[in-house]
Protein backbone atom coordinates (compact mmCIF):
# COMPACT_ATOMS: atom_id res chain seq x y z
CA MET A 1 115.39 116.12 85.95
CA LEU A 2 118.73 116.54 87.77
CA PHE A 3 116.97 118.67 90.39
CA LEU A 4 114.25 116.01 90.78
CA SER A 5 116.79 113.20 91.21
CA GLY A 6 118.84 115.27 93.66
CA LEU A 7 115.78 116.07 95.75
CA VAL A 8 114.77 112.41 95.84
CA GLY A 9 118.30 111.46 96.88
CA ALA A 10 118.29 114.00 99.71
CA LEU A 11 114.95 112.76 100.98
CA LEU A 12 116.12 109.15 100.88
CA VAL A 13 119.10 110.02 103.08
CA LEU A 14 116.74 111.57 105.61
CA THR A 15 114.29 108.66 105.63
CA ALA A 16 116.54 105.61 105.09
CA GLU A 17 115.75 102.72 107.44
CA ALA A 18 115.87 98.95 107.40
CA ARG A 19 113.08 98.45 104.90
CA VAL A 20 111.87 94.98 105.82
CA GLY A 21 108.37 95.45 107.06
CA ASN A 22 104.65 94.78 107.02
CA SER A 23 103.53 93.33 103.71
CA SER A 24 100.38 95.45 103.82
CA GLU A 25 102.65 98.33 102.77
CA SER A 26 103.32 96.68 99.40
CA LYS A 27 100.75 95.81 96.76
CA TYR A 28 102.86 92.85 95.60
CA CYS A 29 103.23 90.88 98.84
CA SER A 30 100.13 88.84 99.65
CA GLU A 31 101.48 85.56 101.04
CA THR A 32 104.02 86.60 103.68
CA ALA A 33 103.85 88.74 106.80
CA GLU A 34 106.93 90.78 105.86
CA CYS A 35 108.22 92.09 102.57
CA LEU A 36 111.13 94.09 101.18
CA LEU A 37 109.95 97.70 101.00
CA TYR A 38 111.36 100.42 98.80
CA ASP A 39 111.24 104.11 97.92
CA LEU A 40 109.96 104.98 94.47
CA VAL A 41 112.38 107.40 92.82
CA CYS A 42 110.62 107.96 89.49
CA LYS A 43 108.69 106.10 86.82
CA THR A 44 107.69 106.09 83.18
CA ASP A 45 105.18 104.03 81.22
CA LYS A 46 108.02 101.54 80.50
CA TYR A 47 109.80 101.15 83.85
CA GLU A 48 110.30 102.59 87.31
CA ALA A 49 113.35 103.36 89.42
CA ARG A 50 113.48 102.30 93.08
CA HIS A 51 115.80 102.76 96.02
CA TYR A 52 116.39 99.80 98.35
CA SER A 53 118.14 100.17 101.69
CA SER A 54 120.91 97.80 102.77
CA VAL A 55 119.46 94.50 104.03
CA LYS A 56 120.61 90.97 104.84
CA TRP A 57 119.68 87.85 102.89
CA VAL A 58 120.42 84.15 103.15
CA SER A 59 121.83 82.98 99.83
CA THR A 60 123.14 80.00 97.92
CA GLU A 61 124.75 79.41 94.53
CA GLU A 62 123.86 76.77 91.98
CA THR A 63 125.60 76.06 88.66
CA ALA A 64 123.43 75.03 85.71
CA TYR A 65 122.76 75.60 82.03
CA ALA A 66 119.36 77.21 82.68
CA MET A 67 117.48 78.84 85.52
CA GLU A 68 114.93 76.01 85.70
CA PHE A 69 117.67 73.51 86.61
CA ALA A 70 119.20 75.80 89.25
CA VAL A 71 116.25 77.20 91.16
CA SER A 72 114.79 73.94 92.47
CA ASN A 73 117.98 72.86 94.27
CA ALA A 74 118.69 76.39 95.45
CA PHE A 75 115.17 76.95 96.77
CA HIS A 76 115.09 73.71 98.76
CA ARG A 77 118.53 74.40 100.22
CA LEU A 78 117.41 77.82 101.47
CA PHE A 79 114.08 76.45 102.66
CA ARG A 80 115.91 73.92 104.83
CA TYR A 81 117.84 76.81 106.39
CA ILE A 82 114.68 78.72 107.39
CA SER A 83 113.09 75.44 108.54
CA GLY A 84 115.76 75.05 111.22
CA GLU A 85 118.90 73.85 109.44
CA ASN A 86 121.03 76.54 111.08
CA GLU A 87 123.30 76.73 114.15
CA GLU A 88 120.46 77.77 116.46
CA GLY A 89 117.89 75.34 115.09
CA MET A 90 115.69 78.38 114.56
CA LYS A 91 112.62 78.36 112.35
CA ILE A 92 112.47 81.57 110.34
CA LYS A 93 109.41 83.04 108.66
CA MET A 94 109.27 83.18 104.88
CA THR A 95 109.36 86.66 103.33
CA ALA A 96 109.03 88.12 99.85
CA PRO A 97 110.45 88.50 97.32
CA VAL A 98 112.77 85.64 96.39
CA VAL A 99 115.58 87.05 94.26
CA THR A 100 117.85 85.22 91.82
CA LYS A 101 120.97 86.87 90.41
CA MET A 102 121.16 86.05 86.70
CA PRO A 103 124.55 86.31 84.95
CA ASP A 104 124.36 87.88 81.49
CA ASN A 105 127.96 87.59 80.33
CA THR A 106 127.92 83.92 79.30
CA SER A 107 126.73 82.18 76.14
CA PHE A 108 123.69 79.94 75.99
CA TRP A 109 125.91 76.84 75.85
CA GLU A 110 127.89 77.66 78.99
CA LYS A 111 126.92 76.78 82.54
CA ARG A 112 126.07 79.75 84.69
CA VAL A 113 126.28 80.41 88.41
CA TYR A 114 122.86 81.43 89.72
CA THR A 115 122.60 82.99 93.18
CA MET A 116 119.23 82.68 94.92
CA SER A 117 118.44 84.72 98.03
CA PHE A 118 115.71 84.72 100.67
CA LEU A 119 115.15 88.01 102.45
CA LEU A 120 115.71 87.67 106.21
CA PRO A 121 112.79 88.93 108.36
CA SER A 122 113.24 92.10 110.42
CA GLU A 123 113.73 90.02 113.60
CA GLN A 124 116.78 88.28 112.09
CA GLN A 125 118.25 91.26 110.22
CA LYS A 126 120.71 92.18 112.98
CA ASN A 127 121.98 88.73 114.03
CA PRO A 128 120.81 85.95 111.70
CA PRO A 129 121.62 82.37 112.74
CA MET A 130 124.56 80.96 110.80
CA PRO A 131 123.88 78.19 108.28
CA THR A 132 125.10 74.64 108.90
CA ASP A 133 125.18 73.84 105.16
CA ASP A 134 128.45 75.12 103.71
CA LYS A 135 126.65 75.98 100.47
CA VAL A 136 124.46 78.52 102.28
CA PHE A 137 125.72 81.92 103.42
CA ILE A 138 124.50 85.20 104.90
CA ASP A 139 124.76 88.03 102.38
CA GLU A 140 124.46 91.73 103.24
CA TRP A 141 123.51 93.82 100.25
CA PRO A 142 124.48 97.49 100.07
CA GLU A 143 121.93 100.15 99.21
CA LEU A 144 120.72 99.70 95.65
CA ASN A 145 119.05 101.80 93.00
CA VAL A 146 117.35 99.58 90.45
CA TYR A 147 115.29 99.92 87.29
CA VAL A 148 112.27 97.62 87.33
CA GLN A 149 109.75 96.06 84.97
CA GLY A 150 107.04 93.77 86.33
CA TYR A 151 105.04 91.00 84.70
CA GLY A 152 102.52 88.33 85.60
CA GLY A 153 102.34 84.59 85.12
CA TRP A 154 105.10 82.10 85.81
CA MET A 155 108.77 82.98 85.88
CA THR A 156 110.75 80.94 83.34
CA SER A 157 114.02 81.43 81.50
CA LEU A 158 112.03 82.62 78.50
CA SER A 159 109.72 85.03 80.33
CA ASP A 160 112.62 86.45 82.32
CA LYS A 161 114.74 86.90 79.19
CA MET A 162 111.91 88.60 77.31
CA LYS A 163 111.29 91.04 80.14
CA TYR A 164 115.03 91.66 80.55
CA ASN A 165 115.25 92.49 76.83
CA SER A 166 112.25 94.80 77.13
CA LEU A 167 113.67 96.67 80.13
CA SER A 168 117.22 96.96 78.78
CA SER A 169 115.88 98.19 75.43
CA ALA A 170 113.77 100.85 77.14
CA LEU A 171 116.75 102.00 79.23
CA ASP A 172 119.07 102.06 76.21
CA THR A 173 116.54 104.14 74.28
CA ALA A 174 116.28 106.57 77.19
CA GLY A 175 120.07 106.74 77.56
CA GLU A 176 120.01 105.45 81.14
CA LYS A 177 123.12 103.75 82.56
CA TYR A 178 122.94 100.36 84.28
CA ILE A 179 125.12 97.34 85.07
CA LYS A 180 125.04 94.91 82.16
CA ASP A 181 126.91 91.90 83.61
CA TYR A 182 123.88 90.58 85.50
CA HIS A 183 120.26 91.24 86.39
CA PHE A 184 117.90 90.03 89.10
CA ALA A 185 114.89 87.77 88.53
CA VAL A 186 112.42 88.55 91.29
CA GLY A 187 109.41 86.49 92.34
CA TYR A 188 106.76 87.36 94.93
CA ASN A 189 104.62 84.22 94.98
CA SER A 190 104.83 80.64 96.19
CA PRO A 191 104.46 77.74 93.71
CA MET A 192 101.01 77.11 95.20
CA LYS A 193 99.61 80.41 93.89
CA TRP A 194 98.19 79.88 90.41
CA PHE A 195 96.64 83.25 89.58
CA ASN A 196 97.52 86.94 89.96
CA ARG A 197 101.22 86.21 90.20
CA HIS A 198 103.76 89.03 90.15
CA ASN A 199 107.38 88.87 88.98
CA GLU A 200 109.96 91.53 88.19
CA VAL A 201 113.26 92.12 86.45
CA TRP A 202 115.74 94.43 88.18
CA LEU A 203 118.71 96.15 86.55
CA VAL A 204 121.08 97.98 88.90
CA ALA A 205 121.41 101.67 88.07
CA VAL A 206 124.80 103.32 87.65
CA ASP A 207 124.92 106.58 89.60
CA GLU A 208 121.62 108.25 90.51
CA PRO A 209 118.70 106.81 88.51
CA GLU A 210 116.67 109.02 86.22
CA CYS A 211 113.45 108.49 84.30
CA SER A 212 113.08 110.28 81.00
CA SER A 213 109.67 111.95 80.92
CA SER A 214 109.17 110.75 84.49
CA GLU A 215 105.95 111.38 86.34
CA GLU A 216 106.23 113.93 89.14
CA LEU A 217 106.28 112.30 92.58
CA ASP A 218 104.24 113.39 95.56
CA PHE A 219 106.81 114.23 98.21
CA SER A 220 104.40 113.94 101.12
CA PHE A 221 105.56 111.12 103.44
CA PRO A 222 105.61 108.19 103.06
CA PHE A 223 106.30 107.88 99.35
CA PHE A 224 106.76 104.16 98.95
CA ASP A 225 104.46 101.38 97.73
């Protein structure tokens, strides 16, 4: 397993690029021209591990007791930015996925700070226009290794929590290490899509990710979804 993870890591160094690209390269992106692409590191029947290259997002924070109260305000704030509410008056194409950072170190009765992010298209990755709303900011994420579980239907506090519990339990059973202070709730579909929706929970891996009893990967290029 250590050899497998090391080989994957070496290959990722050789092939790392800005991974914002054609949505036809991902089975999850059906409503936008561009999507966040990734390299599959390994997978089991419970979860998979992915590598994401460093990319830029436009983000905003919203404080609320539950995700449902936070995401509406955050989404509309970011949508105004891509609709032209920025210093260049530039209209920016929507991408997928929309990612919300979910804090896990607070009690149910405490307000939480939720951070929602829209992926910037490849054209704006180098020099995105600056926001005019002081609650909106450009956020450059470092490279990430994440453990992932996907699910269908609508993303709610309950569905996200259930999938988070399922993923964290599977990782704990396998002895995998991950950051426990927060997770990411990830959605690929617009509110107008009623069927065949796809959502995910991401937990950030500590060190190089491993998958107990992982399936062997085909190392012919490219090896991403």
